[in-house]
C-alpha atoms as a PDB file:
ATOM      1  CA  MET A   1     226.291 124.199 178.544  1.00  0.00           C
ATOM      2  CA  ASP A   2     223.813 126.894 179.400  1.00  0.00           C
ATOM      3  CA  GLY A   3     224.595 129.131 176.444  1.00  0.00           C
ATOM      4  CA  SER A   4     226.358 131.802 178.506  1.00  0.00           C
ATOM      5  CA  GLN A   5     229.923 132.560 177.577  1.00  0.00           C
ATOM      6  CA  GLY A   6     230.961 133.919 180.970  1.00  0.00           C
ATOM      7  CA  ASN A   7     232.925 130.809 181.921  1.00  0.00           C
ATOM      8  CA  LEU A   8     234.471 130.170 178.503  1.00  0.00           C
ATOM      9  CA  VAL A   9     238.060 131.051 177.635  1.00  0.00           C
ATOM     10  CA  LYS A  10     239.132 131.661 174.066  1.00  0.00           C
ATOM     11  CA  ILE A  11     242.282 129.830 172.947  1.00  0.00           C
ATOM     12  CA  SER A  12     244.085 129.577 169.631  1.00  0.00           C
ATOM     13  CA  VAL A  13     244.999 126.211 168.170  1.00  0.00           C
ATOM     14  CA  ARG A  14     246.834 125.379 164.962  1.00  0.00           C
ATOM     15  CA  LEU A  15     245.681 122.206 163.214  1.00  0.00           C
ATOM     16  CA  PRO A  16     246.666 120.557 159.971  1.00  0.00           C
ATOM     17  CA  LYS A  17     244.479 121.642 157.058  1.00  0.00           C
ATOM     18  CA  ALA A  18     243.119 118.101 156.570  1.00  0.00           C
ATOM     19  CA  GLN A  19     241.855 118.000 160.168  1.00  0.00           C
ATOM     20  CA  VAL A  20     240.135 121.364 159.814  1.00  0.00           C
ATOM     21  CA  GLU A  21     238.529 120.255 156.559  1.00  0.00           C
ATOM     22  CA  PHE A  22     237.261 117.100 158.290  1.00  0.00           C
ATOM     23  CA  ILE A  23     235.795 119.165 161.139  1.00  0.00           C
ATOM     24  CA  ASP A  24     234.195 121.511 158.614  1.00  0.00           C
ATOM     25  CA  ARG A  25     232.576 118.532 156.853  1.00  0.00           C
ATOM     26  CA  LEU A  26     231.065 117.389 160.138  1.00  0.00           C
ATOM     27  CA  VAL A  27     229.737 120.911 160.728  1.00  0.00           C
ATOM     28  CA  THR A  28     228.326 121.049 157.182  1.00  0.00           C
ATOM     29  CA  LEU A  29     226.565 117.731 157.769  1.00  0.00           C
ATOM     30  CA  GLY A  30     224.964 119.224 160.877  1.00  0.00           C
ATOM     31  CA  LEU A  31     226.701 116.920 163.356  1.00  0.00           C
ATOM     32  CA  TYR A  32     228.185 119.963 165.124  1.00  0.00           C
ATOM     33  CA  VAL A  33     227.069 123.570 165.306  1.00  0.00           C
ATOM     34  CA  ASN A  34     230.561 124.892 164.582  1.00  0.00           C
ATOM     35  CA  ARG A  35     234.263 124.054 164.922  1.00  0.00           C
ATOM     36  CA  SER A  36     234.333 125.029 168.576  1.00  0.00           C
ATOM     37  CA  ASP A  37     231.459 122.664 169.324  1.00  0.00           C
ATOM     38  CA  PHE A  38     233.417 119.774 167.776  1.00  0.00           C
ATOM     39  CA  ILE A  39     236.628 120.665 169.619  1.00  0.00           C
ATOM     40  CA  ARG A  40     234.840 120.941 172.977  1.00  0.00           C
ATOM     41  CA  ASP A  41     233.195 117.565 172.365  1.00  0.00           C
ATOM     42  CA  ALA A  42     236.523 115.968 171.385  1.00  0.00           C
ATOM     43  CA  ILE A  43     238.204 117.321 174.519  1.00  0.00           C
ATOM     44  CA  ARG A  44     235.354 116.083 176.744  1.00  0.00           C
ATOM     45  CA  ASP A  45     235.701 112.637 175.168  1.00  0.00           C
ATOM     46  CA  TYR A  46     239.478 112.619 175.691  1.00  0.00           C
ATOM     47  CA  MET A  47     239.499 113.855 179.298  1.00  0.00           C
ATOM     48  CA  PRO A  48     238.782 110.450 180.954  1.00  0.00           C
ATOM     49  CA  LYS A  49     241.752 108.962 179.054  1.00  0.00           C
ATOM     50  CA  ALA A  50     243.963 111.860 180.164  1.00  0.00           C
ATOM     51  CA  MET A  51     242.783 111.433 183.774  1.00  0.00           C
ATOM     52  CA  LYS A  52     243.681 107.739 183.631  1.00  0.00           C
ATOM     53  CA  LYS A  53     247.159 108.624 182.362  1.00  0.00           C
ATOM     54  CA  LEU A  54     247.545 111.158 185.161  1.00  0.00           C
ATOM     55  CA  GLN A  55     246.523 108.609 187.784  1.00  0.00           C
ATOM     56  CA  GLU A  56     248.998 106.093 186.329  1.00  0.00           C
ATOM     57  CA  LEU A  57     251.760 108.689 186.497  1.00  0.00           C
ATOM     58  CA  ARG A  58     250.907 109.554 190.089  1.00  0.00           C
ATOM     59  CA  SER A  59     250.847 105.939 191.215  1.00  0.00           C
ATOM     60  CA  GLY A  60     254.020 105.134 189.315  1.00  0.00           C
ATOM     61  CA  SER A  61     256.025 108.150 190.485  1.00  0.00           C
ATOM     62  CA  LEU A  62     256.688 106.686 193.950  1.00  0.00           C
ATOM     63  CA  ALA A  63     257.933 103.439 192.415  1.00  0.00           C
ATOM     64  CA  ILE A  64     260.209 105.407 190.111  1.00  0.00           C
ATOM     65  CA  LEU A  65     261.715 107.340 193.024  1.00  0.00           C
ATOM     66  CA  LYS A  66     262.346 104.104 194.963  1.00  0.00           C
ATOM     67  CA  ALA A  67     264.024 102.388 192.024  1.00  0.00           C
ATOM     68  CA  ASP A  68     267.833 102.136 191.934  1.00  0.00           C
ATOM     69  CA  ASN A  69     267.896 103.830 188.573  1.00  0.00           C
ATOM     70  CA  TYR A  70     266.068 107.142 189.087  1.00  0.00           C
ATOM     71  CA  TYR A  71     265.208 107.532 185.396  1.00  0.00           C
ATOM     72  CA  MET A  72     263.812 104.035 184.772  1.00  0.00           C
ATOM     73  CA  ASN A  73     260.318 102.874 185.600  1.00  0.00           C
ATOM     74  CA  GLU A  74     260.168  99.458 187.302  1.00  0.00           C
ATOM     75  CA  GLU A  75     258.164  98.091 184.365  1.00  0.00           C
ATOM     76  CA  GLU A  76     260.909  98.936 181.827  1.00  0.00           C
END
């Protein structure tokens, strides 16, 4: 990131207290600048996994529509 906040959108998220405390420990140890820094990093790390899931859904949707049972995936 370039430090500008022009392309950033503020969102609210509710997390369990234990998760917030864990994030705060990481910030205290200097591994992250702040909570937002950790959350952005976690989302960046998760995005390839989410993209893979999306691609699997897209490739599987045609097979689902062709199946006799509309609600069952061929693999089930």
